[in-house]
Amino acid sequence: WVHDDQIADTDSAAKLRQQMAAGAVLIEVNNKIDRLAQAPYRQNNET
C-alpha cells in the first residue's frame, strides 16, 4: 500500500484488508522520502 510520504491517504488499512484474501500480508510503503532528504526506515505502526 503505497503512500506519498508527505500527503495523508484517504483510504484506510481496514478497507483494504476487507478486499484482500485471507492470509495475505499488508505492507505500508511511504514513498518519496528523498524530497526531504529523509533516511530510509522500517518500523511497525500501532496496528
ModelCIF file with pLDDT and N, C-alpha, C, O atoms, coordinates in Angstrom:
data_MODEL
#
_entry.id   MODEL 
#
_entity.id                         1 
_entity.type                       polymer 
_entity.pdbx_number_of_molecules   1 
#
_entity_poly.entity_id                      1 
_entity_poly.type                           'polypeptide(L)' 
_entity_poly.nstd_linkage                   no 
_entity_poly.nstd_monomer                   no 
_entity_poly.pdbx_seq_one_letter_code       WVHDDQIADTDSAAKLRQQMAAGAVLIEVNNKIDRLAQAPYRQNNET 
_entity_poly.pdbx_seq_one_letter_code_can   WVHDDQIADTDSAAKLRQQMAAGAVLIEVNNKIDRLAQAPYRQNNET 
_entity_poly.pdbx_strand_id                 A 
#
loop_
_entity_poly_seq.entity_id 
_entity_poly_seq.num 
_entity_poly_seq.mon_id 
_entity_poly_seq.hetero 
1 1  TRP n 
1 2  VAL n 
1 3  HIS n 
1 4  ASP n 
1 5  ASP n 
1 6  GLN n 
1 7  ILE n 
1 8  ALA n 
1 9  ASP n 
1 10 THR n 
1 11 ASP n 
1 12 SER n 
1 13 ALA n 
1 14 ALA n 
1 15 LYS n 
1 16 LEU n 
1 17 ARG n 
1 18 GLN n 
1 19 GLN n 
1 20 MET n 
1 21 ALA n 
1 22 ALA n 
1 23 GLY n 
1 24 ALA n 
1 25 VAL n 
1 26 LEU n 
1 27 ILE n 
1 28 GLU n 
1 29 VAL n 
1 30 ASN n 
1 31 ASN n 
1 32 LYS n 
1 33 ILE n 
1 34 ASP n 
1 35 ARG n 
1 36 LEU n 
1 37 ALA n 
1 38 GLN n 
1 39 ALA n 
1 40 PRO n 
1 41 TYR n 
1 42 ARG n 
1 43 GLN n 
1 44 ASN n 
1 45 ASN n 
1 46 GLU n 
1 47 THR n 
#
_struct_asym.id          A 
_struct_asym.entity_id   1 
#
loop_
_ma_qa_metric.id 
_ma_qa_metric.mode 
_ma_qa_metric.name 
_ma_qa_metric.software_group_id 
_ma_qa_metric.type 
1 global pLDDT . pLDDT 
2 local  pLDDT . pLDDT 
#
_ma_qa_metric_global.metric_id      1 
_ma_qa_metric_global.metric_value   78.79 
_ma_qa_metric_global.model_id       1 
_ma_qa_metric_global.ordinal_id     1 
#
loop_
_ma_qa_metric_local.label_asym_id 
_ma_qa_metric_local.label_comp_id 
_ma_qa_metric_local.label_seq_id 
_ma_qa_metric_local.metric_id 
_ma_qa_metric_local.metric_value 
_ma_qa_metric_local.model_id 
_ma_qa_metric_local.ordinal_id 
A TRP 1  2 87.00 1 1  
A VAL 2  2 88.00 1 2  
A HIS 3  2 84.00 1 3  
A ASP 4  2 80.00 1 4  
A ASP 5  2 69.00 1 5  
A GLN 6  2 70.00 1 6  
A ILE 7  2 67.00 1 7  
A ALA 8  2 63.00 1 8  
A ASP 9  2 61.00 1 9  
A THR 10 2 56.00 1 10 
A ASP 11 2 60.00 1 11 
A SER 12 2 66.00 1 12 
A ALA 13 2 67.00 1 13 
A ALA 14 2 70.00 1 14 
A LYS 15 2 71.00 1 15 
A LEU 16 2 71.00 1 16 
A ARG 17 2 75.00 1 17 
A GLN 18 2 72.00 1 18 
A GLN 19 2 72.00 1 19 
A MET 20 2 74.00 1 20 
A ALA 21 2 73.00 1 21 
A ALA 22 2 76.00 1 22 
A GLY 23 2 79.00 1 23 
A ALA 24 2 83.00 1 24 
A VAL 25 2 87.00 1 25 
A LEU 26 2 88.00 1 26 
A ILE 27 2 90.00 1 27 
A GLU 28 2 90.00 1 28 
A VAL 29 2 90.00 1 29 
A ASN 30 2 89.00 1 30 
A ASN 31 2 88.00 1 31 
A LYS 32 2 88.00 1 32 
A ILE 33 2 88.00 1 33 
A ASP 34 2 85.00 1 34 
A ARG 35 2 83.00 1 35 
A LEU 36 2 80.00 1 36 
A ALA 37 2 79.00 1 37 
A GLN 38 2 84.00 1 38 
A ALA 39 2 88.00 1 39 
A PRO 40 2 88.00 1 40 
A TYR 41 2 87.00 1 41 
A ARG 42 2 88.00 1 42 
A GLN 43 2 88.00 1 43 
A ASN 44 2 84.00 1 44 
A ASN 45 2 82.00 1 45 
A GLU 46 2 78.00 1 46 
A THR 47 2 77.00 1 47 
#
loop_
_atom_site.group_PDB 
_atom_site.id 
_atom_site.type_symbol 
_atom_site.label_atom_id 
_atom_site.label_alt_id 
_atom_site.label_comp_id 
_atom_site.label_asym_id 
_atom_site.label_entity_id 
_atom_site.label_seq_id 
_atom_site.pdbx_PDB_ins_code 
_atom_site.Cartn_x 
_atom_site.Cartn_y 
_atom_site.Cartn_z 
_atom_site.occupancy 
_atom_site.B_iso_or_equiv 
_atom_site.pdbx_formal_charge 
_atom_site.auth_seq_id 
_atom_site.auth_comp_id 
_atom_site.auth_asym_id 
_atom_site.auth_atom_id 
_atom_site.pdbx_PDB_model_num 
ATOM 1   N N  . TRP A 1 1  ? 0.869   -1.177  0.000  1.00 87.00 ? 1  TRP A N  1 
ATOM 2   C CA . TRP A 1 1  ? 0.000   0.000   0.000  1.00 87.00 ? 1  TRP A CA 1 
ATOM 3   C C  . TRP A 1 1  ? 0.906   1.227   0.000  1.00 87.00 ? 1  TRP A C  1 
ATOM 4   O O  . TRP A 1 1  ? 1.511   1.563   1.018  1.00 87.00 ? 1  TRP A O  1 
ATOM 5   N N  . VAL A 1 2  ? 0.994   1.894   -1.156 1.00 88.00 ? 2  VAL A N  1 
ATOM 6   C CA . VAL A 1 2  ? 1.955   2.974   -1.341 1.00 88.00 ? 2  VAL A CA 1 
ATOM 7   C C  . VAL A 1 2  ? 1.299   4.320   -1.050 1.00 88.00 ? 2  VAL A C  1 
ATOM 8   O O  . VAL A 1 2  ? 0.201   4.617   -1.521 1.00 88.00 ? 2  VAL A O  1 
ATOM 9   N N  . HIS A 1 3  ? 2.017   5.134   -0.247 1.00 84.00 ? 3  HIS A N  1 
ATOM 10  C CA . HIS A 1 3  ? 1.573   6.499   0.057  1.00 84.00 ? 3  HIS A CA 1 
ATOM 11  C C  . HIS A 1 3  ? 2.637   7.487   -0.401 1.00 84.00 ? 3  HIS A C  1 
ATOM 12  O O  . HIS A 1 3  ? 3.806   7.136   -0.566 1.00 84.00 ? 3  HIS A O  1 
ATOM 13  N N  . ASP A 1 4  ? 2.211   8.720   -0.601 1.00 80.00 ? 4  ASP A N  1 
ATOM 14  C CA . ASP A 1 4  ? 3.154   9.832   -0.671 1.00 80.00 ? 4  ASP A CA 1 
ATOM 15  C C  . ASP A 1 4  ? 3.501   10.190  0.760  1.00 80.00 ? 4  ASP A C  1 
ATOM 16  O O  . ASP A 1 4  ? 2.608   10.459  1.565  1.00 80.00 ? 4  ASP A O  1 
ATOM 17  N N  . ASP A 1 5  ? 4.779   10.197  1.088  1.00 69.00 ? 5  ASP A N  1 
ATOM 18  C CA . ASP A 1 5  ? 5.213   10.390  2.473  1.00 69.00 ? 5  ASP A CA 1 
ATOM 19  C C  . ASP A 1 5  ? 4.704   11.694  3.079  1.00 69.00 ? 5  ASP A C  1 
ATOM 20  O O  . ASP A 1 5  ? 4.593   11.805  4.300  1.00 69.00 ? 5  ASP A O  1 
ATOM 21  N N  . GLN A 1 6  ? 4.394   12.681  2.243  1.00 70.00 ? 6  GLN A N  1 
ATOM 22  C CA . GLN A 1 6  ? 4.001   13.996  2.760  1.00 70.00 ? 6  GLN A CA 1 
ATOM 23  C C  . GLN A 1 6  ? 2.501   14.266  2.669  1.00 70.00 ? 6  GLN A C  1 
ATOM 24  O O  . GLN A 1 6  ? 2.042   15.336  3.066  1.00 70.00 ? 6  GLN A O  1 
ATOM 25  N N  . ILE A 1 7  ? 1.732   13.305  2.148  1.00 67.00 ? 7  ILE A N  1 
ATOM 26  C CA . ILE A 1 7  ? 0.294   13.526  1.957  1.00 67.00 ? 7  ILE A CA 1 
ATOM 27  C C  . ILE A 1 7  ? -0.491  12.427  2.674  1.00 67.00 ? 7  ILE A C  1 
ATOM 28  O O  . ILE A 1 7  ? -0.191  11.244  2.514  1.00 67.00 ? 7  ILE A O  1 
ATOM 29  N N  . ALA A 1 8  ? -1.480  12.809  3.450  1.00 63.00 ? 8  ALA A N  1 
ATOM 30  C CA . ALA A 1 8  ? -2.318  11.835  4.148  1.00 63.00 ? 8  ALA A CA 1 
ATOM 31  C C  . ALA A 1 8  ? -3.163  11.065  3.145  1.00 63.00 ? 8  ALA A C  1 
ATOM 32  O O  . ALA A 1 8  ? -3.712  11.644  2.207  1.00 63.00 ? 8  ALA A O  1 
ATOM 33  N N  . ASP A 1 9  ? -3.262  9.761   3.348  1.00 61.00 ? 9  ASP A N  1 
ATOM 34  C CA . ASP A 1 9  ? -4.021  8.902   2.438  1.00 61.00 ? 9  ASP A CA 1 
ATOM 35  C C  . ASP A 1 9  ? -5.466  8.825   2.895  1.00 61.00 ? 9  ASP A C  1 
ATOM 36  O O  . ASP A 1 9  ? -5.745  8.648   4.081  1.00 61.00 ? 9  ASP A O  1 
ATOM 37  N N  . THR A 1 10 ? -6.392  8.960   1.938  1.00 56.00 ? 10 THR A N  1 
ATOM 38  C CA . THR A 1 10 ? -7.819  8.936   2.286  1.00 56.00 ? 10 THR A CA 1 
ATOM 39  C C  . THR A 1 10 ? -8.332  7.513   2.504  1.00 56.00 ? 10 THR A C  1 
ATOM 40  O O  . THR A 1 10 ? -9.346  7.321   3.175  1.00 56.00 ? 10 THR A O  1 
ATOM 41  N N  . ASP A 1 11 ? -7.641  6.507   1.942  1.00 60.00 ? 11 ASP A N  1 
ATOM 42  C CA . ASP A 1 11 ? -8.055  5.125   2.166  1.00 60.00 ? 11 ASP A CA 1 
ATOM 43  C C  . ASP A 1 11 ? -7.578  4.664   3.539  1.00 60.00 ? 11 ASP A C  1 
ATOM 44  O O  . ASP A 1 11 ? -6.750  5.316   4.176  1.00 60.00 ? 11 ASP A O  1 
ATOM 45  N N  . SER A 1 12 ? -8.111  3.538   3.977  1.00 66.00 ? 12 SER A N  1 
ATOM 46  C CA . SER A 1 12 ? -7.724  3.003   5.281  1.00 66.00 ? 12 SER A CA 1 
ATOM 47  C C  . SER A 1 12 ? -7.259  1.567   5.132  1.00 66.00 ? 12 SER A C  1 
ATOM 48  O O  . SER A 1 12 ? -7.658  0.850   4.215  1.00 66.00 ? 12 SER A O  1 
ATOM 49  N N  . ALA A 1 13 ? -6.385  1.162   6.081  1.00 67.00 ? 13 ALA A N  1 
ATOM 50  C CA . ALA A 1 13 ? -5.895  -0.209  6.064  1.00 67.00 ? 13 ALA A CA 1 
ATOM 51  C C  . ALA A 1 13 ? -7.042  -1.189  6.250  1.00 67.00 ? 13 ALA A C  1 
ATOM 52  O O  . ALA A 1 13 ? -7.047  -2.257  5.639  1.00 67.00 ? 13 ALA A O  1 
ATOM 53  N N  . ALA A 1 14 ? -8.012  -0.842  7.083  1.00 70.00 ? 14 ALA A N  1 
ATOM 54  C CA . ALA A 1 14 ? -9.138  -1.730  7.340  1.00 70.00 ? 14 ALA A CA 1 
ATOM 55  C C  . ALA A 1 14 ? -9.943  -1.970  6.058  1.00 70.00 ? 14 ALA A C  1 
ATOM 56  O O  . ALA A 1 14 ? -10.396 -3.086  5.803  1.00 70.00 ? 14 ALA A O  1 
ATOM 57  N N  . LYS A 1 15 ? -10.117 -0.916  5.255  1.00 71.00 ? 15 LYS A N  1 
ATOM 58  C CA . LYS A 1 15 ? -10.865 -1.051  4.000  1.00 71.00 ? 15 LYS A CA 1 
ATOM 59  C C  . LYS A 1 15 ? -10.123 -1.967  3.028  1.00 71.00 ? 15 LYS A C  1 
ATOM 60  O O  . LYS A 1 15 ? -10.732 -2.798  2.354  1.00 71.00 ? 15 LYS A O  1 
ATOM 61  N N  . LEU A 1 16 ? -8.800  -1.803  2.964  1.00 71.00 ? 16 LEU A N  1 
ATOM 62  C CA . LEU A 1 16 ? -8.005  -2.649  2.074  1.00 71.00 ? 16 LEU A CA 1 
ATOM 63  C C  . LEU A 1 16 ? -8.065  -4.106  2.515  1.00 71.00 ? 16 LEU A C  1 
ATOM 64  O O  . LEU A 1 16 ? -8.217  -5.005  1.689  1.00 71.00 ? 16 LEU A O  1 
ATOM 65  N N  . ARG A 1 17 ? -7.945  -4.332  3.811  1.00 75.00 ? 17 ARG A N  1 
ATOM 66  C CA . ARG A 1 17 ? -7.928  -5.709  4.313  1.00 75.00 ? 17 ARG A CA 1 
ATOM 67  C C  . ARG A 1 17 ? -9.239  -6.430  4.032  1.00 75.00 ? 17 ARG A C  1 
ATOM 68  O O  . ARG A 1 17 ? -9.251  -7.654  3.894  1.00 75.00 ? 17 ARG A O  1 
ATOM 69  N N  . GLN A 1 18 ? -10.332 -5.699  3.947  1.00 72.00 ? 18 GLN A N  1 
ATOM 70  C CA . GLN A 1 18 ? -11.617 -6.315  3.614  1.00 72.00 ? 18 GLN A CA 1 
ATOM 71  C C  . GLN A 1 18 ? -11.604 -6.882  2.197  1.00 72.00 ? 18 GLN A C  1 
ATOM 72  O O  . GLN A 1 18 ? -12.315 -7.845  1.910  1.00 72.00 ? 18 GLN A O  1 
ATOM 73  N N  . GLN A 1 19 ? -10.804 -6.295  1.310  1.00 72.00 ? 19 GLN A N  1 
ATOM 74  C CA . GLN A 1 19 ? -10.736 -6.757  -0.076 1.00 72.00 ? 19 GLN A CA 1 
ATOM 75  C C  . GLN A 1 19 ? -9.663  -7.821  -0.288 1.00 72.00 ? 19 GLN A C  1 
ATOM 76  O O  . GLN A 1 19 ? -9.671  -8.516  -1.304 1.00 72.00 ? 19 GLN A O  1 
ATOM 77  N N  . MET A 1 20 ? -8.746  -7.952  0.656  1.00 74.00 ? 20 MET A N  1 
ATOM 78  C CA . MET A 1 20 ? -7.625  -8.877  0.498  1.00 74.00 ? 20 MET A CA 1 
ATOM 79  C C  . MET A 1 20 ? -8.035  -10.304 0.843  1.00 74.00 ? 20 MET A C  1 
ATOM 80  O O  . MET A 1 20 ? -8.980  -10.531 1.599  1.00 74.00 ? 20 MET A O  1 
ATOM 81  N N  . ALA A 1 21 ? -7.306  -11.257 0.275  1.00 73.00 ? 21 ALA A N  1 
ATOM 82  C CA . ALA A 1 21 ? -7.546  -12.666 0.578  1.00 73.00 ? 21 ALA A CA 1 
ATOM 83  C C  . ALA A 1 21 ? -7.132  -12.961 2.010  1.00 73.00 ? 21 ALA A C  1 
ATOM 84  O O  . ALA A 1 21 ? -6.250  -12.300 2.559  1.00 73.00 ? 21 ALA A O  1 
ATOM 85  N N  . ALA A 1 22 ? -7.776  -13.960 2.615  1.00 76.00 ? 22 ALA A N  1 
ATOM 86  C CA . ALA A 1 22 ? -7.400  -14.372 3.961  1.00 76.00 ? 22 ALA A CA 1 
ATOM 87  C C  . ALA A 1 22 ? -5.955  -14.866 3.945  1.00 76.00 ? 22 ALA A C  1 
ATOM 88  O O  . ALA A 1 22 ? -5.572  -15.662 3.087  1.00 76.00 ? 22 ALA A O  1 
ATOM 89  N N  . GLY A 1 23 ? -5.172  -14.396 4.883  1.00 79.00 ? 23 GLY A N  1 
ATOM 90  C CA . GLY A 1 23 ? -3.775  -14.813 4.964  1.00 79.00 ? 23 GLY A CA 1 
ATOM 91  C C  . GLY A 1 23 ? -2.816  -13.914 4.213  1.00 79.00 ? 23 GLY A C  1 
ATOM 92  O O  . GLY A 1 23 ? -1.602  -14.031 4.383  1.00 79.00 ? 23 GLY A O  1 
ATOM 93  N N  . ALA A 1 24 ? -3.343  -13.004 3.373  1.00 83.00 ? 24 ALA A N  1 
ATOM 94  C CA . ALA A 1 24 ? -2.463  -12.069 2.665  1.00 83.00 ? 24 ALA A CA 1 
ATOM 95  C C  . ALA A 1 24 ? -1.886  -11.060 3.652  1.00 83.00 ? 24 ALA A C  1 
ATOM 96  O O  . ALA A 1 24 ? -2.492  -10.769 4.683  1.00 83.00 ? 24 ALA A O  1 
ATOM 97  N N  . VAL A 1 25 ? -0.709  -10.530 3.324  1.00 87.00 ? 25 VAL A N  1 
ATOM 98  C CA . VAL A 1 25 ? 0.003   -9.607  4.205  1.00 87.00 ? 25 VAL A CA 1 
ATOM 99  C C  . VAL A 1 25 ? -0.018  -8.208  3.614  1.00 87.00 ? 25 VAL A C  1 
ATOM 100 O O  . VAL A 1 25 ? 0.187   -8.020  2.414  1.00 87.00 ? 25 VAL A O  1 
ATOM 101 N N  . LEU A 1 26 ? -0.269  -7.227  4.479  1.00 88.00 ? 26 LEU A N  1 
ATOM 102 C CA . LEU A 1 26 ? -0.267  -5.824  4.057  1.00 88.00 ? 26 LEU A CA 1 
ATOM 103 C C  . LEU A 1 26 ? 1.016   -5.149  4.531  1.00 88.00 ? 26 LEU A C  1 
ATOM 104 O O  . LEU A 1 26 ? 1.366   -5.219  5.709  1.00 88.00 ? 26 LEU A O  1 
ATOM 105 N N  . ILE A 1 27 ? 1.711   -4.495  3.604  1.00 90.00 ? 27 ILE A N  1 
ATOM 106 C CA . ILE A 1 27 ? 2.903   -3.708  3.926  1.00 90.00 ? 27 ILE A CA 1 
ATOM 107 C C  . ILE A 1 27 ? 2.645   -2.281  3.466  1.00 90.00 ? 27 ILE A C  1 
ATOM 108 O O  . ILE A 1 27 ? 2.291   -2.051  2.310  1.00 90.00 ? 27 ILE A O  1 
ATOM 109 N N  . GLU A 1 28 ? 2.824   -1.317  4.375  1.00 90.00 ? 28 GLU A N  1 
ATOM 110 C CA . GLU A 1 28 ? 2.659   0.087   4.003  1.00 90.00 ? 28 GLU A CA 1 
ATOM 111 C C  . GLU A 1 28 ? 3.998   0.628   3.509  1.00 90.00 ? 28 GLU A C  1 
ATOM 112 O O  . GLU A 1 28 ? 5.040   0.373   4.112  1.00 90.00 ? 28 GLU A O  1 
ATOM 113 N N  . VAL A 1 29 ? 3.959   1.374   2.407  1.00 90.00 ? 29 VAL A N  1 
ATOM 114 C CA . VAL A 1 29 ? 5.164   1.943   1.817  1.00 90.00 ? 29 VAL A CA 1 
ATOM 115 C C  . VAL A 1 29 ? 4.999   3.452   1.735  1.00 90.00 ? 29 VAL A C  1 
ATOM 116 O O  . VAL A 1 29 ? 4.165   3.956   0.984  1.00 90.00 ? 29 VAL A O  1 
ATOM 117 N N  . ASN A 1 30 ? 5.803   4.169   2.513  1.00 89.00 ? 30 ASN A N  1 
ATOM 118 C CA . ASN A 1 30 ? 5.830   5.628   2.427  1.00 89.00 ? 30 ASN A CA 1 
ATOM 119 C C  . ASN A 1 30 ? 6.897   6.027   1.418  1.00 89.00 ? 30 ASN A C  1 
ATOM 120 O O  . ASN A 1 30 ? 8.093   5.898   1.677  1.00 89.00 ? 30 ASN A O  1 
ATOM 121 N N  . ASN A 1 31 ? 6.450   6.510   0.273  1.00 88.00 ? 31 ASN A N  1 
ATOM 122 C CA . ASN A 1 31 ? 7.355   6.815   -0.830 1.00 88.00 ? 31 ASN A CA 1 
ATOM 123 C C  . ASN A 1 31 ? 7.740   8.306   -0.829 1.00 88.00 ? 31 ASN A C  1 
ATOM 124 O O  . ASN A 1 31 ? 7.147   9.115   -0.116 1.00 88.00 ? 31 ASN A O  1 
ATOM 125 N N  . LYS A 1 32 ? 8.724   8.635   -1.627 1.00 88.00 ? 32 LYS A N  1 
ATOM 126 C CA . LYS A 1 32 ? 9.193   9.995   -1.886 1.00 88.00 ? 32 LYS A CA 1 
ATOM 127 C C  . LYS A 1 32 ? 9.885   10.634  -0.686 1.00 88.00 ? 32 LYS A C  1 
ATOM 128 O O  . LYS A 1 32 ? 9.811   11.849  -0.500 1.00 88.00 ? 32 LYS A O  1 
ATOM 129 N N  . ILE A 1 33 ? 10.555  9.824   0.124  1.00 88.00 ? 33 ILE A N  1 
ATOM 130 C CA . ILE A 1 33 ? 11.264  10.389  1.286  1.00 88.00 ? 33 ILE A CA 1 
ATOM 131 C C  . ILE A 1 33 ? 12.465  11.231  0.856  1.00 88.00 ? 33 ILE A C  1 
ATOM 132 O O  . ILE A 1 33 ? 13.017  11.986  1.657  1.00 88.00 ? 33 ILE A O  1 
ATOM 133 N N  . ASP A 1 34 ? 12.866  11.099  -0.410 1.00 85.00 ? 34 ASP A N  1 
ATOM 134 C CA . ASP A 1 34 ? 14.023  11.864  -0.888 1.00 85.00 ? 34 ASP A CA 1 
ATOM 135 C C  . ASP A 1 34 ? 13.749  13.361  -0.948 1.00 85.00 ? 34 ASP A C  1 
ATOM 136 O O  . ASP A 1 34 ? 14.689  14.156  -0.952 1.00 85.00 ? 34 ASP A O  1 
ATOM 137 N N  . ARG A 1 35 ? 12.478  13.762  -0.994 1.00 83.00 ? 35 ARG A N  1 
ATOM 138 C CA . ARG A 1 35 ? 12.164  15.185  -1.123 1.00 83.00 ? 35 ARG A CA 1 
ATOM 139 C C  . ARG A 1 35 ? 12.586  15.976  0.111  1.00 83.00 ? 35 ARG A C  1 
ATOM 140 O O  . ARG A 1 35 ? 12.882  17.167  0.016  1.00 83.00 ? 35 ARG A O  1 
ATOM 141 N N  . LEU A 1 36 ? 12.613  15.321  1.256  1.00 80.00 ? 36 LEU A N  1 
ATOM 142 C CA . LEU A 1 36 ? 13.068  15.982  2.483  1.00 80.00 ? 36 LEU A CA 1 
ATOM 143 C C  . LEU A 1 36 ? 14.390  15.410  2.965  1.00 80.00 ? 36 LEU A C  1 
ATOM 144 O O  . LEU A 1 36 ? 14.782  15.589  4.118  1.00 80.00 ? 36 LEU A O  1 
ATOM 145 N N  . ALA A 1 37 ? 15.072  14.713  2.054  1.00 79.00 ? 37 ALA A N  1 
ATOM 146 C CA . ALA A 1 37 ? 16.382  14.110  2.387  1.00 79.00 ? 37 ALA A CA 1 
ATOM 147 C C  . ALA A 1 37 ? 16.272  13.211  3.618  1.00 79.00 ? 37 ALA A C  1 
ATOM 148 O O  . ALA A 1 37 ? 17.184  13.156  4.443  1.00 79.00 ? 37 ALA A O  1 
ATOM 149 N N  . GLN A 1 38 ? 15.143  12.508  3.729  1.00 84.00 ? 38 GLN A N  1 
ATOM 150 C CA . GLN A 1 38 ? 14.929  11.623  4.872  1.00 84.00 ? 38 GLN A CA 1 
ATOM 151 C C  . GLN A 1 38 ? 15.582  10.273  4.623  1.00 84.00 ? 38 GLN A C  1 
ATOM 152 O O  . GLN A 1 38 ? 15.589  9.792   3.490  1.00 84.00 ? 38 GLN A O  1 
ATOM 153 N N  . ALA A 1 39 ? 16.130  9.653   5.665  1.00 88.00 ? 39 ALA A N  1 
ATOM 154 C CA . ALA A 1 39 ? 16.774  8.344   5.532  1.00 88.00 ? 39 ALA A CA 1 
ATOM 155 C C  . ALA A 1 39 ? 15.723  7.245   5.432  1.00 88.00 ? 39 ALA A C  1 
ATOM 156 O O  . ALA A 1 39 ? 14.652  7.377   6.025  1.00 88.00 ? 39 ALA A O  1 
ATOM 157 N N  . PRO A 1 40 ? 15.993  6.168   4.704  1.00 88.00 ? 40 PRO A N  1 
ATOM 158 C CA . PRO A 1 40 ? 15.055  5.038   4.658  1.00 88.00 ? 40 PRO A CA 1 
ATOM 159 C C  . PRO A 1 40 ? 14.826  4.463   6.050  1.00 88.00 ? 40 PRO A C  1 
ATOM 160 O O  . PRO A 1 40 ? 15.693  4.555   6.920  1.00 88.00 ? 40 PRO A O  1 
ATOM 161 N N  . TYR A 1 41 ? 13.668  3.876   6.253  1.00 87.00 ? 41 TYR A N  1 
ATOM 162 C CA . TYR A 1 41 ? 13.374  3.304   7.568  1.00 87.00 ? 41 TYR A CA 1 
ATOM 163 C C  . TYR A 1 41 ? 12.426  2.128   7.426  1.00 87.00 ? 41 TYR A C  1 
ATOM 164 O O  . TYR A 1 41 ? 11.748  1.969   6.410  1.00 87.00 ? 41 TYR A O  1 
ATOM 165 N N  . ARG A 1 42 ? 12.392  1.297   8.481  1.00 88.00 ? 42 ARG A N  1 
ATOM 166 C CA . ARG A 1 42 ? 11.422  0.213   8.599  1.00 88.00 ? 42 ARG A CA 1 
ATOM 167 C C  . ARG A 1 42 ? 10.956  0.180   10.033 1.00 88.00 ? 42 ARG A C  1 
ATOM 168 O O  . ARG A 1 42 ? 11.771  0.110   10.953 1.00 88.00 ? 42 ARG A O  1 
ATOM 169 N N  . GLN A 1 43 ? 9.642   0.232   10.235 1.00 88.00 ? 43 GLN A N  1 
ATOM 170 C CA . GLN A 1 43 ? 9.088   0.241   11.585 1.00 88.00 ? 43 GLN A CA 1 
ATOM 171 C C  . GLN A 1 43 ? 7.694   -0.365  11.558 1.00 88.00 ? 43 GLN A C  1 
ATOM 172 O O  . GLN A 1 43 ? 7.125   -0.573  10.486 1.00 88.00 ? 43 GLN A O  1 
ATOM 173 N N  . ASN A 1 44 ? 7.150   -0.643  12.713 1.00 84.00 ? 44 ASN A N  1 
ATOM 174 C CA . ASN A 1 44 ? 5.781   -1.141  12.830 1.00 84.00 ? 44 ASN A CA 1 
ATOM 175 C C  . ASN A 1 44 ? 4.901   -0.038  13.396 1.00 84.00 ? 44 ASN A C  1 
ATOM 176 O O  . ASN A 1 44 ? 5.292   0.656   14.335 1.00 84.00 ? 44 ASN A O  1 
ATOM 177 N N  . ASN A 1 45 ? 3.705   0.126   12.822 1.00 82.00 ? 45 ASN A N  1 
ATOM 178 C CA . ASN A 1 45 ? 2.789   1.137   13.362 1.00 82.00 ? 45 ASN A CA 1 
ATOM 179 C C  . ASN A 1 45 ? 1.961   0.563   14.500 1.00 82.00 ? 45 ASN A C  1 
ATOM 180 O O  . ASN A 1 45 ? 2.196   -0.560  14.948 1.00 82.00 ? 45 ASN A O  1 
ATOM 181 N N  . GLU A 1 46 ? 0.999   1.335   14.960 1.00 78.00 ? 46 GLU A N  1 
ATOM 182 C CA . GLU A 1 46 ? 0.216   0.918   16.132 1.00 78.00 ? 46 GLU A CA 1 
ATOM 183 C C  . GLU A 1 46 ? -0.625  -0.325  15.882 1.00 78.00 ? 46 GLU A C  1 
ATOM 184 O O  . GLU A 1 46 ? -1.014  -0.998  16.837 1.00 78.00 ? 46 GLU A O  1 
ATOM 185 N N  . THR A 1 47 ? -0.917  -0.649  14.622 1.00 77.00 ? 47 THR A N  1 
ATOM 186 C CA . THR A 1 47 ? -1.710  -1.848  14.319 1.00 77.00 ? 47 THR A CA 1 
ATOM 187 C C  . THR A 1 47 ? -0.826  -3.069  14.094 1.00 77.00 ? 47 THR A C  1 
ATOM 188 O O  . THR A 1 47 ? -1.334  -4.159  13.829 1.00 77.00 ? 47 THR A O  1 
#
